[in-house]
Protein backbone atom coordinates (compact mmCIF):
# COMPACT_ATOMS: atom_id res chain seq x y z
CA MET A 1 -21.46 -27.22 13.31
CA ILE A 2 -22.83 -23.88 14.39
CA ALA A 3 -25.09 -23.22 17.33
CA THR A 4 -26.56 -20.24 19.14
CA LYS A 5 -29.17 -19.30 21.69
CA GLU A 6 -32.66 -18.46 20.43
CA LYS A 7 -32.28 -14.77 21.30
CA TYR A 8 -29.20 -14.46 19.01
CA VAL A 9 -30.63 -16.23 15.97
CA ARG A 10 -31.57 -12.97 14.21
CA GLN A 11 -28.03 -11.65 14.67
CA MET A 12 -26.43 -14.55 12.83
CA PRO A 13 -25.45 -14.07 9.19
CA GLY A 14 -28.11 -15.07 6.68
CA ARG A 15 -25.65 -17.01 4.57
CA LEU A 16 -22.53 -18.95 5.41
CA THR A 17 -20.00 -20.10 2.85
CA GLY A 18 -17.70 -23.04 3.13
CA GLN A 19 -14.47 -24.03 1.44
CA THR A 20 -14.21 -27.26 -0.50
CA VAL A 21 -12.19 -28.95 -3.21
CA ASP A 22 -13.66 -29.62 -6.67
CA SER A 23 -13.22 -32.74 -8.78
CA ASN A 24 -9.98 -31.32 -10.22
CA GLY A 25 -8.51 -30.71 -6.77
CA LYS A 26 -8.92 -26.92 -6.95
CA ARG A 27 -10.13 -24.87 -4.00
CA GLY A 28 -13.67 -23.55 -4.28
CA PHE A 29 -16.32 -21.90 -2.13
CA VAL A 30 -19.90 -23.05 -1.74
CA LEU A 31 -23.04 -21.80 -0.06
CA THR A 32 -23.15 -23.96 3.05
CA LEU A 33 -26.14 -22.43 4.80
CA ALA A 34 -28.83 -20.00 3.68
CA THR A 35 -31.79 -19.09 5.83
CA ARG A 36 -35.12 -19.55 4.10
CA GLU A 37 -36.27 -16.13 5.24
CA GLN A 38 -33.80 -14.68 2.77
CA HIS A 39 -36.19 -15.77 0.05
CA ILE A 40 -39.55 -15.82 1.79
CA ARG A 41 -39.68 -13.05 4.42
CA ARG A 42 -37.35 -10.36 3.13
CA GLU A 43 -38.49 -7.75 5.63
CA LYS A 44 -37.11 -9.90 8.47
CA ALA A 45 -34.03 -11.16 6.63
CA THR A 46 -30.64 -10.66 8.27
CA SER A 47 -29.07 -9.34 5.04
CA ASN A 48 -30.16 -8.01 1.69
CA ILE A 49 -28.00 -10.31 -0.42
CA CYS A 50 -30.91 -11.50 -2.56
CA THR A 51 -31.73 -7.96 -3.63
CA ASN A 52 -28.06 -7.20 -4.24
CA GLN A 53 -27.63 -10.30 -6.41
CA ALA A 54 -30.63 -9.35 -8.53
CA LEU A 55 -29.35 -5.80 -9.04
CA VAL A 56 -25.89 -6.99 -10.02
CA ALA A 57 -27.37 -9.55 -12.41
CA LEU A 58 -29.51 -6.83 -14.00
CA MET A 59 -26.52 -4.49 -14.36
CA VAL A 60 -24.41 -7.23 -15.96
CA ASN A 61 -27.24 -8.06 -18.36
CA ILE A 62 -27.62 -4.44 -19.45
CA PHE A 63 -23.85 -3.94 -19.70
CA MET A 64 -23.33 -7.04 -21.86
CA THR A 65 -26.31 -6.19 -24.07
CA ILE A 66 -24.99 -2.70 -24.76
CA TYR A 67 -21.36 -3.72 -25.39
CA GLY A 68 -21.90 -7.04 -27.12
CA LYS A 69 -19.19 -9.60 -27.83
CA VAL A 70 -16.96 -7.26 -29.86
CA GLY A 71 -17.39 -4.41 -27.39
CA LEU A 72 -16.41 -6.57 -24.41
CA LYS A 73 -13.29 -7.72 -26.25
CA GLU A 74 -12.35 -4.09 -26.98
CA LEU A 75 -13.04 -3.18 -23.36
CA ALA A 76 -10.68 -5.92 -22.17
CA LYS A 77 -7.96 -4.72 -24.55
CA GLN A 78 -8.34 -1.17 -23.21
CA ASN A 79 -8.03 -2.42 -19.63
CA LEU A 80 -4.88 -4.39 -20.48
CA ALA A 81 -3.28 -1.52 -22.41
CA LYS A 82 -4.04 1.14 -19.80
CA THR A 83 -2.78 -1.08 -16.99
CA ALA A 84 0.43 -1.86 -18.89
CA TYR A 85 1.00 1.86 -19.50
CA ALA A 86 0.27 2.79 -15.88
CA ALA A 87 2.49 0.04 -14.46
CA LYS A 88 5.36 1.14 -16.72
CA GLN A 89 4.99 4.79 -15.72
CA PHE A 90 4.60 4.06 -11.99
CA GLY A 91 7.51 1.61 -12.19
CA ARG A 92 9.82 4.51 -13.02
CA GLN A 93 8.97 6.12 -9.66
CA GLY A 94 8.33 3.21 -7.32
CA SER A 95 8.69 -0.53 -7.44
CA ILE A 96 6.12 -2.74 -9.15
CA LEU A 97 5.69 -5.85 -7.03
CA PHE A 98 4.82 -9.20 -8.60
CA ASP A 99 5.71 -7.75 -12.01
CA GLY A 100 5.99 -11.15 -13.68
CA ALA A 101 2.62 -12.36 -12.39
CA PRO A 102 -0.35 -12.43 -14.77
CA ARG A 103 -2.64 -9.44 -14.43
CA PHE A 104 -5.66 -7.92 -16.09
CA ASN A 105 -6.30 -4.43 -14.79
CA GLU A 106 -4.52 -4.25 -11.44
CA PHE A 107 -0.93 -4.04 -10.22
CA VAL A 108 0.84 -3.52 -6.90
CA LEU A 109 3.07 -0.46 -6.42
CA GLU A 110 5.51 -0.05 -3.53
CA THR A 111 6.57 3.49 -2.65
CA SER A 112 8.81 5.07 -0.05
CA GLU A 113 5.95 7.14 1.36
CA ASP A 114 2.81 5.91 3.08
CA PRO A 115 0.11 5.30 0.44
CA TYR A 116 -2.51 7.13 2.53
CA ALA A 117 -0.46 10.35 2.32
CA ILE A 118 0.01 9.93 -1.43
CA ASN A 119 -3.69 9.20 -1.90
CA SER A 120 -4.73 12.35 -0.04
CA ARG A 121 -2.63 14.46 -2.44
CA ILE A 122 -3.91 12.57 -5.49
CA LEU A 123 -7.49 13.07 -4.30
CA GLY A 124 -6.83 16.81 -4.57
CA HIS A 125 -6.70 16.20 -8.33
CA LYS A 126 -10.06 14.32 -8.12
CA ILE A 127 -8.35 10.99 -8.74
CA VAL A 128 -8.77 7.96 -6.49
CA GLY A 129 -5.37 6.46 -5.67
CA GLY A 130 -4.33 2.90 -4.96
CA LEU A 131 -5.72 0.73 -2.16
CA PRO A 132 -3.13 0.60 0.67
CA LEU A 133 -2.36 -3.07 1.37
CA LYS A 134 -0.64 -2.76 4.76
CA LYS A 135 -3.90 -3.53 6.61
CA PHE A 136 -4.29 -6.83 4.74
CA TYR A 137 -0.62 -7.68 4.10
CA PRO A 138 1.61 -5.95 6.70
CA GLU A 139 4.68 -7.55 5.15
CA LEU A 140 4.17 -5.47 1.98
CA GLY A 141 4.81 -2.19 3.82
CA ASN A 142 3.99 0.84 1.68
CA ALA A 143 2.44 -1.16 -1.15
CA SER A 144 -0.86 -0.25 -2.75
CA LEU A 145 -3.11 -1.91 -5.31
CA TRP A 146 -3.79 0.22 -8.39
CA CYS A 147 -6.51 -0.41 -10.96
CA CYS A 148 -7.12 0.88 -14.48
CA THR A 149 -10.41 0.46 -16.30
CA GLU A 150 -11.90 1.70 -19.54
CA LEU A 151 -12.78 4.90 -17.67
CA THR A 152 -9.18 5.64 -16.65
CA THR A 153 -7.65 8.36 -18.81
CA ARG A 154 -4.00 8.79 -19.75
CA THR A 155 -4.14 12.26 -18.15
CA ALA A 156 -5.31 10.75 -14.85
CA ILE A 157 -2.52 8.16 -14.96
CA ASP A 158 0.11 10.80 -15.76
CA THR A 159 -1.19 13.08 -12.99
CA ALA A 160 -1.10 10.28 -10.40
CA VAL A 161 2.39 9.28 -11.54
CA GLY A 162 3.46 12.92 -11.17
CA VAL A 163 2.24 13.03 -7.57
CA VAL A 164 4.07 9.78 -6.76
CA SER A 165 7.18 11.11 -8.52
CA GLU A 166 7.16 14.28 -6.41
CA SER A 167 6.83 12.15 -3.29
CA GLU A 168 9.65 9.78 -4.25
CA ASN A 169 11.98 12.60 -5.34
CA SER A 170 11.30 14.49 -2.10
CA ILE A 171 12.11 11.45 0.03
CA ARG A 172 15.27 10.69 -1.97
CA ALA A 173 16.37 14.31 -1.65
CA ASP A 174 15.91 14.07 2.12
CA GLN A 175 18.16 11.00 2.02
CA GLY A 176 20.92 12.88 0.16
CA GLU A 177 20.29 11.75 -3.41
CA SER A 178 19.78 13.90 -6.50
CA PHE A 179 18.36 13.03 -9.90
CA ASP A 180 19.34 14.09 -13.36
CA GLU A 181 16.74 14.35 -16.11
CA ASP A 182 17.20 10.72 -17.13
CA GLY A 183 16.13 9.59 -13.66
CA VAL A 184 19.62 8.28 -12.81
CA SER A 185 20.48 8.96 -9.19
CA GLU A 186 23.80 9.84 -7.71
CA VAL A 187 24.63 10.15 -4.04
CA LEU A 188 25.69 13.62 -2.95
CA PRO A 189 28.75 13.97 -0.68
């Protein structure tokens, strides 16, 4: 149940979703409530979700028409390959969390330094870094979610890995560790 005073009706969300269980026992989400004004009186609607859905549907239609079945398959392969490469390279500098979990084009990287600081340096190279996860999952500490798509270049991956490497090496040096060229650390006296 949901209730409100008449004067607050226009401030309520235009759509509410609910959680349910499907016939196979899997969790799913359904549209529980949608105001009719969403479809009839758009100028007074409390959100623009109808317009957004139409735009996204149009973009998907154009995208799939241009790429076709073979193109989409190739696109997926590129995403998988670039993500595997990036995770391997980043894994040499930080720690890849949930490494055994299935993934498509994202992975979680844990570093010694705060991801926001790393991202500000990476942005200097015109590359968007990983999404810091501390806000959503405080228990993950300095973890960030990284994504590779068909637009991600090997140069961008290598540059971002270089920035993370500098950060990790600097922190380890501050802690009294040195690194040889093979990346094997030894503690200094």
